[in-house]
Amino acid sequence: MSELPILLYPNQAQKFLGVKATKFYELLQTPGFPKPRSPLGKRPMYLRKELEAWAESGYVRKLL
């Protein structure tokens, strides 16, 4: 995968995790899923490190 920025917009986070939009928005409701930040205004962004840690924790296998 190409070098990704530290902060990802929802569409980038969804691609990073390899899920479709519907599944991504389901994941947002699960306990433990990384919370979005809004450093540049109102548009939510996700820390890539937090998404990586969440995915590596094995939580993805339980949900997919």
PDB file of N, CA and C in Angstrom:
ATOM      1  N   MET A   1       0.852  -1.174   0.000  1.00  0.00           N
ATOM      2  CA  MET A   1       0.000   0.000   0.000  1.00  0.00           C
ATOM      3  C   MET A   1       0.895   1.233   0.000  1.00  0.00           C
ATOM      4  N   SER A   2       0.482   2.260  -0.720  1.00  0.00           N
ATOM      5  CA  SER A   2       1.281   3.474  -0.778  1.00  0.00           C
ATOM      6  C   SER A   2       1.322   4.133   0.596  1.00  0.00           C
ATOM      7  N   GLU A   3       2.289   5.017   0.748  1.00  0.00           N
ATOM      8  CA  GLU A   3       2.447   5.709   2.023  1.00  0.00           C
ATOM      9  C   GLU A   3       1.200   6.527   2.339  1.00  0.00           C
ATOM     10  N   LEU A   4       0.565   6.217   3.443  1.00  0.00           N
ATOM     11  CA  LEU A   4      -0.654   6.912   3.856  1.00  0.00           C
ATOM     12  C   LEU A   4      -0.316   8.014   4.850  1.00  0.00           C
ATOM     13  N   PRO A   5      -1.132   9.057   4.884  1.00  0.00           N
ATOM     14  CA  PRO A   5      -0.920  10.109   5.879  1.00  0.00           C
ATOM     15  C   PRO A   5      -1.213   9.594   7.288  1.00  0.00           C
ATOM     16  N   ILE A   6      -0.796  10.360   8.267  1.00  0.00           N
ATOM     17  CA  ILE A   6      -1.021   9.994   9.665  1.00  0.00           C
ATOM     18  C   ILE A   6      -2.505  10.029  10.005  1.00  0.00           C
ATOM     19  N   LEU A   7      -3.211  11.006   9.461  1.00  0.00           N
ATOM     20  CA  LEU A   7      -4.651  11.139   9.674  1.00  0.00           C
ATOM     21  C   LEU A   7      -5.388  10.753   8.403  1.00  0.00           C
ATOM     22  N   LEU A   8      -6.431   9.936   8.551  1.00  0.00           N
ATOM     23  CA  LEU A   8      -7.189   9.457   7.396  1.00  0.00           C
ATOM     24  C   LEU A   8      -8.630   9.940   7.465  1.00  0.00           C
ATOM     25  N   TYR A   9      -9.137  10.386   6.320  1.00  0.00           N
ATOM     26  CA  TYR A   9     -10.557  10.700   6.215  1.00  0.00           C
ATOM     27  C   TYR A   9     -11.327   9.382   6.218  1.00  0.00           C
ATOM     28  N   PRO A  10     -12.626   9.396   6.513  1.00  0.00           N
ATOM     29  CA  PRO A  10     -13.388   8.147   6.563  1.00  0.00           C
ATOM     30  C   PRO A  10     -13.243   7.272   5.316  1.00  0.00           C
ATOM     31  N   ASN A  11     -13.262   7.858   4.126  1.00  0.00           N
ATOM     32  CA  ASN A  11     -13.123   7.034   2.922  1.00  0.00           C
ATOM     33  C   ASN A  11     -11.740   6.400   2.838  1.00  0.00           C
ATOM     34  N   GLN A  12     -10.704   7.092   3.315  1.00  0.00           N
ATOM     35  CA  GLN A  12      -9.361   6.519   3.336  1.00  0.00           C
ATOM     36  C   GLN A  12      -9.264   5.422   4.398  1.00  0.00           C
ATOM     37  N   ALA A  13      -9.879   5.652   5.553  1.00  0.00           N
ATOM     38  CA  ALA A  13      -9.862   4.664   6.636  1.00  0.00           C
ATOM     39  C   ALA A  13     -10.568   3.388   6.203  1.00  0.00           C
ATOM     40  N   GLN A  14     -11.664   3.545   5.502  1.00  0.00           N
ATOM     41  CA  GLN A  14     -12.420   2.392   5.006  1.00  0.00           C
ATOM     42  C   GLN A  14     -11.567   1.576   4.039  1.00  0.00           C
ATOM     43  N   LYS A  15     -10.886   2.231   3.126  1.00  0.00           N
ATOM     44  CA  LYS A  15     -10.011   1.525   2.179  1.00  0.00           C
ATOM     45  C   LYS A  15      -8.842   0.884   2.907  1.00  0.00           C
ATOM     46  N   PHE A  16      -8.281   1.591   3.890  1.00  0.00           N
ATOM     47  CA  PHE A  16      -7.167   1.075   4.673  1.00  0.00           C
ATOM     48  C   PHE A  16      -7.544  -0.232   5.365  1.00  0.00           C
ATOM     49  N   LEU A  17      -8.767  -0.289   5.896  1.00  0.00           N
ATOM     50  CA  LEU A  17      -9.240  -1.492   6.585  1.00  0.00           C
ATOM     51  C   LEU A  17      -9.743  -2.560   5.618  1.00  0.00           C
ATOM     52  N   GLY A  18      -9.959  -2.175   4.365  1.00  0.00           N
ATOM     53  CA  GLY A  18     -10.413  -3.140   3.365  1.00  0.00           C
ATOM     54  C   GLY A  18     -11.880  -3.496   3.482  1.00  0.00           C
ATOM     55  N   VAL A  19     -12.694  -2.535   3.907  1.00  0.00           N
ATOM     56  CA  VAL A  19     -14.128  -2.780   4.033  1.00  0.00           C
ATOM     57  C   VAL A  19     -14.902  -1.777   3.182  1.00  0.00           C
ATOM     58  N   LYS A  20     -16.136  -2.136   2.877  1.00  0.00           N
ATOM     59  CA  LYS A  20     -17.005  -1.229   2.132  1.00  0.00           C
ATOM     60  C   LYS A  20     -17.606  -0.208   3.092  1.00  0.00           C
ATOM     61  N   ALA A  21     -18.193   0.834   2.525  1.00  0.00           N
ATOM     62  CA  ALA A  21     -18.725   1.936   3.330  1.00  0.00           C
ATOM     63  C   ALA A  21     -19.740   1.465   4.365  1.00  0.00           C
ATOM     64  N   THR A  22     -20.639   0.577   3.969  1.00  0.00           N
ATOM     65  CA  THR A  22     -21.669   0.099   4.896  1.00  0.00           C
ATOM     66  C   THR A  22     -21.038  -0.566   6.113  1.00  0.00           C
ATOM     67  N   LYS A  23     -20.064  -1.438   5.884  1.00  0.00           N
ATOM     68  CA  LYS A  23     -19.398  -2.134   6.988  1.00  0.00           C
ATOM     69  C   LYS A  23     -18.612  -1.152   7.847  1.00  0.00           C
ATOM     70  N   PHE A  24     -17.972  -0.184   7.208  1.00  0.00           N
ATOM     71  CA  PHE A  24     -17.209   0.807   7.969  1.00  0.00           C
ATOM     72  C   PHE A  24     -18.120   1.539   8.952  1.00  0.00           C
ATOM     73  N   TYR A  25     -19.292   1.942   8.492  1.00  0.00           N
ATOM     74  CA  TYR A  25     -20.203   2.668   9.377  1.00  0.00           C
ATOM     75  C   TYR A  25     -20.786   1.759  10.457  1.00  0.00           C
ATOM     76  N   GLU A  26     -20.858   0.465  10.206  1.00  0.00           N
ATOM     77  CA  GLU A  26     -21.227  -0.483  11.269  1.00  0.00           C
ATOM     78  C   GLU A  26     -20.110  -0.554  12.307  1.00  0.00           C
ATOM     79  N   LEU A  27     -18.871  -0.590  11.825  1.00  0.00           N
ATOM     80  CA  LEU A  27     -17.726  -0.670  12.732  1.00  0.00           C
ATOM     81  C   LEU A  27     -17.659   0.539  13.658  1.00  0.00           C
ATOM     82  N   LEU A  28     -18.080   1.688  13.162  1.00  0.00           N
ATOM     83  CA  LEU A  28     -18.061   2.899  13.990  1.00  0.00           C
ATOM     84  C   LEU A  28     -18.887   2.737  15.259  1.00  0.00           C
ATOM     85  N   GLN A  29     -19.873   1.863  15.223  1.00  0.00           N
ATOM     86  CA  GLN A  29     -20.767   1.664  16.364  1.00  0.00           C
ATOM     87  C   GLN A  29     -20.251   0.620  17.350  1.00  0.00           C
ATOM     88  N   THR A  30     -19.176  -0.076  17.001  1.00  0.00           N
ATOM     89  CA  THR A  30     -18.683  -1.141  17.869  1.00  0.00           C
ATOM     90  C   THR A  30     -17.796  -0.582  18.974  1.00  0.00           C
ATOM     91  N   PRO A  31     -17.889  -1.161  20.169  1.00  0.00           N
ATOM     92  CA  PRO A  31     -17.018  -0.731  21.264  1.00  0.00           C
ATOM     93  C   PRO A  31     -15.554  -0.983  20.905  1.00  0.00           C
ATOM     94  N   GLY A  32     -14.721  -0.054  21.237  1.00  0.00           N
ATOM     95  CA  GLY A  32     -13.299  -0.216  20.997  1.00  0.00           C
ATOM     96  C   GLY A  32     -12.811   0.311  19.663  1.00  0.00           C
ATOM     97  N   PHE A  33     -13.730   0.638  18.757  1.00  0.00           N
ATOM     98  CA  PHE A  33     -13.294   1.177  17.467  1.00  0.00           C
ATOM     99  C   PHE A  33     -12.749   2.585  17.698  1.00  0.00           C
ATOM    100  N   PRO A  34     -11.637   2.929  17.050  1.00  0.00           N
ATOM    101  CA  PRO A  34     -11.037   4.255  17.261  1.00  0.00           C
ATOM    102  C   PRO A  34     -12.018   5.398  17.010  1.00  0.00           C
ATOM    103  N   LYS A  35     -11.956   6.377  17.876  1.00  0.00           N
ATOM    104  CA  LYS A  35     -12.827   7.546  17.765  1.00  0.00           C
ATOM    105  C   LYS A  35     -12.233   8.535  16.762  1.00  0.00           C
ATOM    106  N   PRO A  36     -13.103   9.193  16.012  1.00  0.00           N
ATOM    107  CA  PRO A  36     -12.613  10.182  15.047  1.00  0.00           C
ATOM    108  C   PRO A  36     -12.139  11.458  15.741  1.00  0.00           C
ATOM    109  N   ARG A  37     -11.253  12.145  15.073  1.00  0.00           N
ATOM    110  CA  ARG A  37     -10.781  13.465  15.496  1.00  0.00           C
ATOM    111  C   ARG A  37     -11.270  14.470  14.457  1.00  0.00           C
ATOM    112  N   SER A  38     -11.294  15.721  14.807  1.00  0.00           N
ATOM    113  CA  SER A  38     -11.663  16.769  13.846  1.00  0.00           C
ATOM    114  C   SER A  38     -10.642  17.909  13.918  1.00  0.00           C
ATOM    115  N   PRO A  39      -9.395  17.622  13.541  1.00  0.00           N
ATOM    116  CA  PRO A  39      -8.342  18.627  13.681  1.00  0.00           C
ATOM    117  C   PRO A  39      -8.442  19.777  12.682  1.00  0.00           C
ATOM    118  N   LEU A  40      -9.120  19.556  11.574  1.00  0.00           N
ATOM    119  CA  LEU A  40      -9.178  20.574  10.527  1.00  0.00           C
ATOM    120  C   LEU A  40     -10.573  21.147  10.358  1.00  0.00           C
ATOM    121  N   GLY A  41     -11.352  21.104  11.395  1.00  0.00           N
ATOM    122  CA  GLY A  41     -12.713  21.606  11.295  1.00  0.00           C
ATOM    123  C   GLY A  41     -13.716  20.528  11.654  1.00  0.00           C
ATOM    124  N   LYS A  42     -14.760  20.435  10.863  1.00  0.00           N
ATOM    125  CA  LYS A  42     -15.849  19.510  11.183  1.00  0.00           C
ATOM    126  C   LYS A  42     -15.667  18.112  10.613  1.00  0.00           C
ATOM    127  N   ARG A  43     -14.868  17.955   9.596  1.00  0.00           N
ATOM    128  CA  ARG A  43     -14.733  16.658   8.936  1.00  0.00           C
ATOM    129  C   ARG A  43     -13.929  15.689   9.807  1.00  0.00           C
ATOM    130  N   PRO A  44     -14.500  14.532  10.142  1.00  0.00           N
ATOM    131  CA  PRO A  44     -13.791  13.586  11.016  1.00  0.00           C
ATOM    132  C   PRO A  44     -12.597  12.946  10.316  1.00  0.00           C
ATOM    133  N   MET A  45     -11.581  12.657  11.120  1.00  0.00           N
ATOM    134  CA  MET A  45     -10.389  11.966  10.631  1.00  0.00           C
ATOM    135  C   MET A  45      -9.993  10.929  11.679  1.00  0.00           C
ATOM    136  N   TYR A  46      -9.293   9.892  11.228  1.00  0.00           N
ATOM    137  CA  TYR A  46      -8.883   8.799  12.104  1.00  0.00           C
ATOM    138  C   TYR A  46      -7.369   8.692  12.109  1.00  0.00           C
ATOM    139  N   LEU A  47      -6.807   8.463  13.284  1.00  0.00           N
ATOM    140  CA  LEU A  47      -5.367   8.250  13.384  1.00  0.00           C
ATOM    141  C   LEU A  47      -5.034   6.875  12.810  1.00  0.00           C
ATOM    142  N   ARG A  48      -4.129   6.850  11.855  1.00  0.00           N
ATOM    143  CA  ARG A  48      -3.748   5.592  11.213  1.00  0.00           C
ATOM    144  C   ARG A  48      -3.212   4.596  12.244  1.00  0.00           C
ATOM    145  N   LYS A  49      -2.407   5.082  13.198  1.00  0.00           N
ATOM    146  CA  LYS A  49      -1.848   4.195  14.230  1.00  0.00           C
ATOM    147  C   LYS A  49      -2.941   3.507  15.032  1.00  0.00           C
ATOM    148  N   GLU A  50      -4.004   4.236  15.355  1.00  0.00           N
ATOM    149  CA  GLU A  50      -5.102   3.644  16.125  1.00  0.00           C
ATOM    150  C   GLU A  50      -5.855   2.606  15.301  1.00  0.00           C
ATOM    151  N   LEU A  51      -6.054   2.888  14.019  1.00  0.00           N
ATOM    152  CA  LEU A  51      -6.715   1.905  13.149  1.00  0.00           C
ATOM    153  C   LEU A  51      -5.859   0.648  13.021  1.00  0.00           C
ATOM    154  N   GLU A  52      -4.536   0.833  12.872  1.00  0.00           N
ATOM    155  CA  GLU A  52      -3.627  -0.315  12.775  1.00  0.00           C
ATOM    156  C   GLU A  52      -3.687  -1.152  14.048  1.00  0.00           C
ATOM    157  N   ALA A  53      -3.616  -0.487  15.195  1.00  0.00           N
ATOM    158  CA  ALA A  53      -3.644  -1.203  16.477  1.00  0.00           C
ATOM    159  C   ALA A  53      -4.960  -1.952  16.648  1.00  0.00           C
ATOM    160  N   TRP A  54      -6.055  -1.319  16.277  1.00  0.00           N
ATOM    161  CA  TRP A  54      -7.367  -1.959  16.382  1.00  0.00           C
ATOM    162  C   TRP A  54      -7.425  -3.194  15.486  1.00  0.00           C
ATOM    163  N   ALA A  55      -6.952  -3.059  14.248  1.00  0.00           N
ATOM    164  CA  ALA A  55      -6.976  -4.183  13.310  1.00  0.00           C
ATOM    165  C   ALA A  55      -6.071  -5.320  13.787  1.00  0.00           C
ATOM    166  N   GLU A  56      -4.901  -4.974  14.316  1.00  0.00           N
ATOM    167  CA  GLU A  56      -3.951  -5.992  14.769  1.00  0.00           C
ATOM    168  C   GLU A  56      -4.407  -6.679  16.052  1.00  0.00           C
ATOM    169  N   SER A  57      -5.331  -6.077  16.773  1.00  0.00           N
ATOM    170  CA  SER A  57      -5.797  -6.657  18.035  1.00  0.00           C
ATOM    171  C   SER A  57      -6.630  -7.919  17.819  1.00  0.00           C
ATOM    172  N   GLY A  58      -6.974  -8.204  16.562  1.00  0.00           N
ATOM    173  CA  GLY A  58      -7.777  -9.379  16.274  1.00  0.00           C
ATOM    174  C   GLY A  58      -9.254  -9.084  16.253  1.00  0.00           C
ATOM    175  N   TYR A  59      -9.617  -7.867  16.564  1.00  0.00           N
ATOM    176  CA  TYR A  59     -11.026  -7.495  16.611  1.00  0.00           C
ATOM    177  C   TYR A  59     -11.665  -7.606  15.237  1.00  0.00           C
ATOM    178  N   VAL A  60     -10.911  -7.353  14.200  1.00  0.00           N
ATOM    179  CA  VAL A  60     -11.445  -7.409  12.831  1.00  0.00           C
ATOM    180  C   VAL A  60     -11.953  -8.808  12.514  1.00  0.00           C
ATOM    181  N   ARG A  61     -11.207  -9.826  12.875  1.00  0.00           N
ATOM    182  CA  ARG A  61     -11.616 -11.206  12.581  1.00  0.00           C
ATOM    183  C   ARG A  61     -12.955 -11.540  13.225  1.00  0.00           C
ATOM    184  N   LYS A  62     -13.202 -11.002  14.405  1.00  0.00           N
ATOM    185  CA  LYS A  62     -14.459 -11.278  15.100  1.00  0.00           C
ATOM    186  C   LYS A  62     -15.648 -10.650  14.387  1.00  0.00           C
ATOM    187  N   LEU A  63     -15.423  -9.515  13.733  1.00  0.00           N
ATOM    188  CA  LEU A  63     -16.522  -8.780  13.113  1.00  0.00           C
ATOM    189  C   LEU A  63     -16.757  -9.140  11.664  1.00  0.00           C
ATOM    190  N   LEU A  64     -15.713  -9.524  10.953  1.00  0.00           N
ATOM    191  CA  LEU A  64     -15.855  -9.807   9.527  1.00  0.00           C
ATOM    192  C   LEU A  64     -16.031 -11.271   9.342  1.00  0.00           C
TER     193      LEU A  64
END
